[in-house]
Amino acid sequence: MMESEELRNLSNLEALVIQTIEHAYATLAELSKESNISPEKLHNETRCFISTVKTVHERLSHTINYLSEVATALPHNGSVYSAEKDFQLAYEQCSFLRSKLQDLANKRSVDPGQEKLTIKKEDAGYADKGLENQMQAGPVAQ
């Protein structure tokens, strides 16, 4: 859910709580009469009170569950947490590879007579075979 939608739901929930209080007031007002108590009105107001209490309970439970998802930083509807973490990890891997490529380019420029640049696994870091072949071909132009 979007943030504004959750705020709208909370506003609607507040209106339901007010209705619940109004039904409770009407029920108590009917019971407090000394005479002419209308069983029909009493039953109707009590039924409305119970119905709105159930609705408030359901919506509050839904809202609490949503907030517990958001508060624990778990992926949820409208969350970009997972995508941000994936991006951050990919960015860090690219930065690492860029620095390793730069180091390799610097080693090659220091020893230009070297015919073939050999790459050790510890120098390659996260690089796969395709990237190792590209690095053997020469420095990457920036």
Protein backbone atom coordinates (compact mmCIF):
# COMPACT_ATOMS: atom_id res chain seq x y z
CA MET A 1 0.00 0.00 0.00
CA MET A 2 1.09 3.50 -0.61
CA GLU A 3 1.68 5.84 2.29
CA SER A 4 -1.23 8.14 1.43
CA GLU A 5 -3.53 5.14 1.14
CA GLU A 6 -2.54 3.99 4.64
CA LEU A 7 -3.21 7.47 6.00
CA ARG A 8 -6.61 7.47 4.29
CA ASN A 9 -7.35 4.08 5.88
CA LEU A 10 -6.43 5.43 9.32
CA SER A 11 -8.70 8.43 8.78
CA ASN A 12 -11.58 6.11 7.83
CA LEU A 13 -10.80 4.01 10.89
CA GLU A 14 -11.06 7.10 13.07
CA ALA A 15 -14.52 7.81 11.60
CA LEU A 16 -15.56 4.23 12.43
CA VAL A 17 -14.40 4.65 16.03
CA ILE A 18 -16.54 7.79 16.27
CA GLN A 19 -19.54 5.86 14.91
CA THR A 20 -18.91 3.12 17.47
CA ILE A 21 -18.97 5.67 20.28
CA GLU A 22 -22.17 7.21 18.89
CA HIS A 23 -23.88 3.79 18.79
CA ALA A 24 -22.73 3.09 22.35
CA TYR A 25 -24.10 6.48 23.45
CA ALA A 26 -27.45 5.83 21.74
CA THR A 27 -27.68 2.40 23.38
CA LEU A 28 -26.88 3.77 26.84
CA ALA A 29 -29.27 6.70 26.34
CA GLU A 30 -32.07 4.28 25.48
CA LEU A 31 -31.28 2.12 28.52
CA SER A 32 -31.20 5.11 30.85
CA LYS A 33 -34.75 6.16 30.03
CA GLU A 34 -37.17 5.76 32.91
CA SER A 35 -40.03 4.80 30.64
CA ASN A 36 -40.84 4.14 26.98
CA ILE A 37 -37.73 2.09 26.30
CA SER A 38 -37.93 0.95 22.69
CA PRO A 39 -36.65 -2.64 22.44
CA GLU A 40 -36.46 -2.24 18.68
CA LYS A 41 -34.22 0.85 18.87
CA LEU A 42 -32.16 -0.74 21.64
CA HIS A 43 -31.62 -3.89 19.59
CA ASN A 44 -30.76 -1.89 16.44
CA GLU A 45 -28.23 0.36 18.20
CA THR A 46 -26.63 -2.61 19.98
CA ARG A 47 -26.34 -4.51 16.69
CA CYS A 48 -24.74 -1.46 15.00
CA PHE A 49 -22.34 -1.05 17.93
CA ILE A 50 -21.19 -4.68 17.75
CA SER A 51 -20.85 -4.50 13.97
CA THR A 52 -18.68 -1.37 14.04
CA VAL A 53 -16.53 -2.81 16.85
CA LYS A 54 -15.84 -5.88 14.68
CA THR A 55 -14.98 -3.69 11.67
CA VAL A 56 -12.66 -1.51 13.76
CA HIS A 57 -10.96 -4.62 15.15
CA GLU A 58 -10.39 -6.08 11.65
CA ARG A 59 -9.01 -2.85 10.23
CA LEU A 60 -6.79 -2.23 13.24
CA SER A 61 -5.39 -5.76 12.93
CA HIS A 62 -4.68 -5.18 9.25
CA THR A 63 -2.97 -1.85 9.99
CA ILE A 64 -0.89 -3.34 12.81
CA ASN A 65 0.25 -6.19 10.53
CA TYR A 66 1.20 -3.69 7.82
CA LEU A 67 3.12 -1.53 10.28
CA SER A 68 4.95 -4.56 11.69
CA GLU A 69 6.11 -5.43 8.14
CA VAL A 70 7.30 -1.88 7.53
CA ALA A 71 9.00 -1.55 10.92
CA THR A 72 11.07 -4.72 10.49
CA ALA A 73 12.44 -3.55 7.13
CA LEU A 74 11.08 -6.63 5.37
CA PRO A 75 10.02 -6.24 1.76
CA HIS A 76 6.41 -5.12 1.61
CA ASN A 77 3.98 -3.50 -0.77
CA GLY A 78 5.42 -0.17 -1.82
CA SER A 79 8.83 -0.96 -0.39
CA VAL A 80 12.02 -0.23 -2.30
CA TYR A 81 14.23 -1.71 0.40
CA SER A 82 15.05 -4.87 -1.57
CA ALA A 83 15.79 -2.96 -4.78
CA GLU A 84 17.98 -0.48 -2.90
CA LYS A 85 19.98 -3.28 -1.29
CA ASP A 86 20.42 -5.02 -4.67
CA PHE A 87 21.57 -1.76 -6.23
CA GLN A 88 23.98 -1.05 -3.37
CA LEU A 89 25.50 -4.53 -3.64
CA ALA A 90 25.87 -4.24 -7.44
CA TYR A 91 27.41 -0.77 -7.05
CA GLU A 92 29.94 -2.06 -4.52
CA GLN A 93 30.84 -4.98 -6.79
CA CYS A 94 31.31 -2.61 -9.74
CA SER A 95 33.49 -0.32 -7.63
CA PHE A 96 35.59 -3.27 -6.53
CA LEU A 97 36.01 -4.49 -10.10
CA ARG A 98 36.83 -0.97 -11.30
CA SER A 99 39.58 -0.66 -8.70
CA LYS A 100 40.98 -4.09 -9.59
CA LEU A 101 40.93 -3.21 -13.30
CA GLN A 102 42.69 0.05 -12.54
CA ASP A 103 45.32 -1.79 -10.50
CA LEU A 104 45.87 -4.20 -13.37
CA ALA A 105 46.09 -1.34 -15.87
CA ASN A 106 48.67 0.36 -13.63
CA LYS A 107 50.71 -2.85 -13.42
CA ARG A 108 50.65 -3.15 -17.21
CA SER A 109 51.71 0.47 -17.72
CA VAL A 110 54.63 -0.02 -15.29
CA ASP A 111 55.88 -3.04 -17.27
CA PRO A 112 54.98 -2.29 -20.95
CA GLY A 113 57.38 -4.98 -22.25
CA GLN A 114 55.29 -7.74 -20.75
CA GLU A 115 53.65 -9.62 -23.61
CA LYS A 116 50.79 -11.21 -21.73
CA LEU A 117 49.29 -10.13 -18.45
CA THR A 118 48.55 -13.09 -16.23
CA ILE A 119 45.85 -12.72 -13.67
CA LYS A 120 45.89 -14.60 -10.42
CA LYS A 121 42.65 -15.62 -8.80
CA GLU A 122 43.33 -13.39 -5.78
CA ASP A 123 43.79 -10.40 -8.14
CA ALA A 124 40.60 -11.16 -10.04
CA GLY A 125 38.36 -11.02 -6.98
CA TYR A 126 34.77 -11.49 -8.15
CA ALA A 127 35.73 -11.63 -11.84
CA ASP A 128 34.51 -14.54 -13.92
CA LYS A 129 36.33 -16.17 -16.86
CA GLY A 130 34.85 -13.73 -19.41
CA LEU A 131 36.08 -10.73 -17.44
CA GLU A 132 39.52 -12.32 -17.00
CA ASN A 133 39.80 -12.71 -20.79
CA GLN A 134 38.85 -9.07 -21.28
CA MET A 135 41.43 -7.96 -18.73
CA GLN A 136 44.15 -9.99 -20.48
CA ALA A 137 43.37 -8.13 -23.70
CA GLY A 138 44.42 -4.81 -22.19
CA PRO A 139 43.30 -1.88 -20.05
CA VAL A 140 39.76 -0.64 -20.40
CA ALA A 141 39.42 2.90 -21.77
CA GLN A 142 37.46 5.18 -19.49
